[in-house]
Amino acid sequence: MYTTSNIETFFKLFQLKKFLKIHSGFIAGGVFKDLFLNKQLRDVDVFFHNEADFNKAVEHYKGNSVYRFLYENDNCVAFYHTKEGVTVECVR
């Protein structure tokens, strides 16, 4: 049985789908805490099964005018979603 709470939870989680378009990453980290505490999302950590998936996602974000490159280090490449005001970190 679906309750109002279940439907609200679904729509909260559905918000994150926009950060996974075109690639096969998965989201983990503190974004879920912020989402369920009704805080503004600041960053989304996207993890990958392998380097090929990671590279595909990085190329997607680089080629998308909605995202702006922020930084890169040994662990991740980060982009800023200019419309949402959210940092997306592609984690190796």
Protein backbone atom coordinates (compact mmCIF):
# COMPACT_ATOMS: atom_id res chain seq x y z
CA MET A 1 0.00 0.00 0.00
CA TYR A 2 1.29 3.44 -0.94
CA THR A 3 1.16 6.15 1.66
CA THR A 4 1.75 9.87 1.32
CA SER A 5 5.11 9.32 2.97
CA ASN A 6 6.09 6.67 0.37
CA ILE A 7 5.08 8.91 -2.50
CA GLU A 8 6.98 11.87 -1.07
CA THR A 9 10.05 9.67 -0.61
CA PHE A 10 9.81 8.48 -4.22
CA PHE A 11 9.66 12.03 -5.56
CA LYS A 12 12.60 13.09 -3.40
CA LEU A 13 14.69 10.23 -4.77
CA PHE A 14 13.49 10.89 -8.30
CA GLN A 15 15.11 14.35 -8.09
CA LEU A 16 18.50 12.67 -8.18
CA LYS A 17 17.87 10.92 -11.50
CA LYS A 18 18.86 14.03 -13.46
CA PHE A 19 22.45 13.56 -12.26
CA LEU A 20 22.62 10.03 -13.70
CA LYS A 21 21.38 10.62 -17.24
CA ILE A 22 23.49 9.07 -19.99
CA HIS A 23 25.84 7.12 -17.74
CA SER A 24 25.70 4.15 -15.37
CA GLY A 25 26.92 5.57 -12.09
CA PHE A 26 25.28 5.30 -8.71
CA ILE A 27 24.81 7.92 -6.02
CA ALA A 28 26.04 7.49 -2.46
CA GLY A 29 26.94 9.74 0.42
CA GLY A 30 25.48 12.61 2.37
CA VAL A 31 23.09 13.74 -0.35
CA PHE A 32 20.49 11.32 1.02
CA LYS A 33 20.70 12.86 4.48
CA ASP A 34 20.24 16.34 3.04
CA LEU A 35 17.37 15.17 0.85
CA PHE A 36 15.41 13.59 3.69
CA LEU A 37 16.09 16.47 6.07
CA ASN A 38 14.69 18.81 3.40
CA LYS A 39 17.98 20.67 3.15
CA GLN A 40 19.16 22.24 -0.06
CA LEU A 41 21.34 19.82 -2.01
CA ARG A 42 24.96 20.97 -2.13
CA ASP A 43 26.79 18.07 -3.72
CA VAL A 44 26.14 14.66 -5.22
CA ASP A 45 28.80 11.92 -5.12
CA VAL A 46 28.54 9.60 -8.12
CA PHE A 47 30.47 6.31 -8.02
CA PHE A 48 31.15 3.84 -10.84
CA HIS A 49 31.70 0.13 -11.31
CA ASN A 50 34.77 0.63 -13.49
CA GLU A 51 37.05 3.20 -15.11
CA ALA A 52 35.23 3.02 -18.45
CA ASP A 53 31.94 4.06 -16.82
CA PHE A 54 33.77 6.82 -14.93
CA ASN A 55 35.32 8.15 -18.16
CA LYS A 56 31.98 8.07 -19.97
CA ALA A 57 30.37 10.14 -17.22
CA VAL A 58 33.20 12.68 -17.15
CA GLU A 59 32.91 13.12 -20.92
CA HIS A 60 29.15 13.56 -20.55
CA TYR A 61 29.54 16.33 -17.98
CA LYS A 62 32.34 18.01 -19.94
CA GLY A 63 30.19 18.10 -23.07
CA ASN A 64 27.05 19.38 -21.35
CA SER A 65 26.62 23.16 -21.27
CA VAL A 66 24.58 22.94 -18.04
CA TYR A 67 27.70 21.74 -16.18
CA ARG A 68 30.87 23.73 -15.53
CA PHE A 69 34.17 22.04 -14.66
CA LEU A 70 35.26 22.78 -11.07
CA TYR A 71 38.29 20.68 -10.18
CA GLU A 72 40.04 17.36 -10.55
CA ASN A 73 42.21 15.36 -8.16
CA ASP A 74 43.34 11.74 -7.85
CA ASN A 75 39.95 10.69 -6.46
CA CYS A 76 37.38 12.62 -8.43
CA VAL A 77 36.43 15.09 -11.14
CA ALA A 78 33.88 17.69 -10.07
CA PHE A 79 31.37 19.70 -12.08
CA TYR A 80 28.92 22.41 -11.07
CA HIS A 81 25.31 22.18 -12.27
CA THR A 82 24.63 25.81 -13.12
CA LYS A 83 20.83 25.57 -12.99
CA GLU A 84 20.56 23.50 -9.80
CA GLY A 85 23.52 25.02 -7.94
CA VAL A 86 24.79 21.52 -7.09
CA THR A 87 28.31 20.12 -7.35
CA VAL A 88 28.50 16.67 -8.94
CA GLU A 89 31.63 14.72 -8.01
CA CYS A 90 32.50 11.77 -10.23
CA VAL A 91 34.41 9.52 -7.84
CA ARG A 92 36.98 7.01 -9.08
